[in-house]
Protein backbone atom coordinates (compact mmCIF):
# COMPACT_ATOMS: atom_id res chain seq x y z
CA MET A 1 74.14 108.96 97.14
CA ARG A 2 76.78 109.61 94.48
CA LEU A 3 79.13 110.93 97.18
CA LEU A 4 78.84 107.62 99.02
CA ALA A 5 79.27 105.57 95.85
CA LEU A 6 82.78 106.92 95.31
CA ARG A 7 84.09 106.07 98.79
CA ALA A 8 82.98 105.78 102.38
CA ARG A 9 82.46 109.10 104.12
CA GLY A 10 81.84 110.20 107.68
CA GLU A 11 78.64 111.94 108.70
CA GLU A 12 80.25 115.34 109.27
CA GLU A 13 82.13 115.14 105.98
CA LEU A 14 78.86 114.42 104.17
CA ARG A 15 77.12 117.26 106.02
CA ARG A 16 79.83 119.69 104.89
CA ARG A 17 79.67 118.47 101.29
CA LEU A 18 75.89 118.72 101.11
CA VAL A 19 75.89 122.29 102.47
CA GLN A 20 78.76 123.13 100.11
CA LYS A 21 76.69 121.81 97.18
CA GLY A 22 73.90 124.24 98.10
CA PHE A 23 71.58 122.17 100.28
CA SER A 24 70.07 123.97 103.26
CA ARG A 25 71.04 122.73 106.73
CA PRO A 26 67.58 121.25 107.43
CA ASP A 27 67.57 119.42 104.07
CA ALA A 28 71.08 118.13 104.68
CA GLU A 29 70.11 116.90 108.15
CA ALA A 30 67.01 115.16 106.78
CA ALA A 31 69.10 113.43 104.13
CA LEU A 32 71.68 112.36 106.72
CA ASN A 33 68.96 111.00 109.02
CA HIS A 34 67.56 108.98 106.13
CA LEU A 35 71.01 107.63 105.18
CA ARG A 36 71.82 106.82 108.82
CA LYS A 37 68.55 104.90 109.31
CA ALA A 38 69.12 103.00 106.05
CA GLY A 39 72.61 102.03 107.25
CA TYR A 40 74.51 103.90 104.54
CA ILE A 41 76.51 106.02 106.95
CA ASP A 42 78.07 104.87 110.18
CA ASP A 43 80.94 106.86 111.68
CA LYS A 44 82.26 103.84 113.61
CA ARG A 45 82.47 101.71 110.49
CA PHE A 46 83.93 104.64 108.52
CA ALA A 47 86.61 105.29 111.16
CA GLN A 48 87.56 101.61 111.41
CA GLY A 49 87.92 101.36 107.64
CA LEU A 50 89.98 104.53 107.43
CA VAL A 51 92.29 103.41 110.24
CA GLU A 52 92.83 100.01 108.68
CA GLY A 53 93.41 101.45 105.21
CA ARG A 54 95.84 104.15 106.27
CA LEU A 55 97.79 101.79 108.50
CA LYS A 56 98.16 99.02 105.94
CA ASN A 57 98.05 100.79 102.58
CA LYS A 58 99.74 104.10 103.35
CA ASN A 59 101.89 103.03 106.30
CA TRP A 60 100.72 105.85 108.53
CA GLY A 61 101.03 105.93 112.31
CA ARG A 62 98.29 106.58 114.83
CA PHE A 63 98.98 110.32 115.19
CA LYS A 64 98.62 111.08 111.49
CA ILE A 65 95.53 108.85 111.25
CA ALA A 66 93.99 110.60 114.26
CA ALA A 67 94.57 113.97 112.59
CA GLU A 68 92.86 112.80 109.41
CA LEU A 69 89.89 111.44 111.35
CA ALA A 70 89.56 114.80 113.10
CA SER A 71 89.76 116.67 109.80
CA LYS A 72 86.93 114.52 108.47
CA GLY A 73 84.77 115.41 111.46
CA VAL A 74 84.87 112.05 113.23
CA GLY A 75 84.18 112.46 116.95
CA ARG A 76 87.03 112.02 119.41
CA ASP A 77 85.40 108.99 121.11
CA VAL A 78 84.78 107.21 117.80
CA ALA A 79 88.33 107.97 116.63
CA GLN A 80 89.88 106.73 119.89
CA SER A 81 87.81 103.56 119.68
CA ALA A 82 88.94 102.86 116.12
CA LEU A 83 92.57 103.64 116.92
CA GLY A 84 92.36 101.52 120.08
CA ALA A 85 91.86 98.46 117.91
CA VAL A 86 95.34 98.93 116.42
CA THR A 87 97.95 96.86 118.21
CA GLU A 88 101.47 98.10 118.80
CA GLU A 89 102.72 95.22 116.66
CA GLU A 90 100.52 96.28 113.70
CA GLU A 91 101.74 99.85 113.99
CA SER A 92 105.34 98.68 114.27
CA VAL A 93 104.98 96.59 111.10
CA SER A 94 103.59 99.67 109.35
CA ALA A 95 106.53 101.78 110.58
CA GLU A 96 108.99 99.17 109.34
CA ALA A 97 107.26 99.11 105.93
CA ALA A 98 107.34 102.93 105.76
CA LEU A 99 111.05 102.90 106.56
CA GLU A 100 111.81 100.21 103.97
CA LYS A 101 109.88 102.14 101.32
CA TRP A 102 111.72 105.34 102.23
CA LEU A 103 115.11 103.59 102.08
CA LYS A 104 114.31 102.17 98.65
CA LYS A 105 113.02 105.51 97.34
CA ASN A 106 116.18 107.27 98.54
CA ASN A 107 118.57 104.56 97.32
CA ALA A 108 119.83 104.19 100.87
CA SER A 109 121.19 101.11 102.55
CA ALA A 110 122.59 100.27 105.96
CA PRO A 111 124.60 101.61 107.59
CA LEU A 112 123.14 105.05 107.10
CA GLN A 113 125.22 108.15 107.56
CA LYS A 114 124.10 110.52 110.32
CA LYS A 115 122.32 112.92 107.94
CA MET A 116 120.36 110.09 106.27
CA ARG A 117 119.45 108.60 109.68
CA GLU A 118 118.08 111.97 110.72
CA ARG A 119 116.07 112.27 107.50
CA ALA A 120 114.66 108.75 107.92
CA PHE A 121 113.78 109.57 111.53
CA ARG A 122 111.94 112.76 110.50
CA HIS A 123 110.14 110.86 107.76
CA LEU A 124 108.76 108.29 110.20
CA LYS A 125 107.77 111.01 112.66
CA SER A 126 105.94 112.86 109.86
CA ARG A 127 104.08 109.65 109.07
CA GLY A 128 102.58 109.82 112.57
CA PHE A 129 104.56 107.21 114.46
CA PRO A 130 105.37 107.74 118.16
CA HIS A 131 108.94 108.73 119.02
CA ASP A 132 109.74 105.56 120.95
CA MET A 133 108.48 103.38 118.09
CA VAL A 134 110.63 105.26 115.56
CA VAL A 135 113.68 104.77 117.75
CA ARG A 136 112.87 101.06 118.10
CA VAL A 137 112.31 100.55 114.37
CA MET A 138 115.48 102.43 113.46
CA GLY A 139 117.44 100.32 115.94
CA ARG A 140 116.04 96.86 115.11
CA PRO A 141 118.54 93.97 115.24
CA GLY A 142 120.19 93.48 111.88
CA ARG A 143 119.86 97.16 111.08
CA ASP A 144 123.02 99.22 111.53
CA ASP A 145 121.24 102.53 111.03
CA GLY A 146 119.80 102.87 114.54
CA LEU A 147 119.84 106.12 116.45
CA ASP A 148 122.08 105.13 119.34
C-alpha cells in the first residue's frame, strides 16, 4: 500500500516491485488481485494519468510517453487507448511549450542560426514529438527560426 501512496503505479510495475522486495510470485499475484478488486490499481486510469501528466507538465510527445508506458509494463492496447485520447492540437501546444522553454534555457531568440535551429529540432525530437509536428512548430507564423 505504501508504494501506491507515493504515486499511481501500473500493475506490472507493482508486480516487479513486490517481487524485488522479496515477495514470492504467488503472494505478489494475490496482493495484486486484492488491490485490483478494491479499485486501487487500474492500468487504464494509470495510463491516462501518466499521458496527461507527461504531456502537460513535462511537455513530452506521444513517442516518448509511449516508451515510458512500455517501460512501466502497460499493455500496448491500454497505452494506445490512452494516447489516442490526445489530440494533435494538445500535442502541438506541448511541443510549442517545450520549444519556448528550450529557447529560454539556451538564451536563444528568433531568428535562430542554423546550428541552433538544428539543436532545437533535435531537442523536440528527443522529447518524442513526430517529425512533421516539429517542422510545423519550428515554422509557425511569427517565428523566423523555421526549418525551410
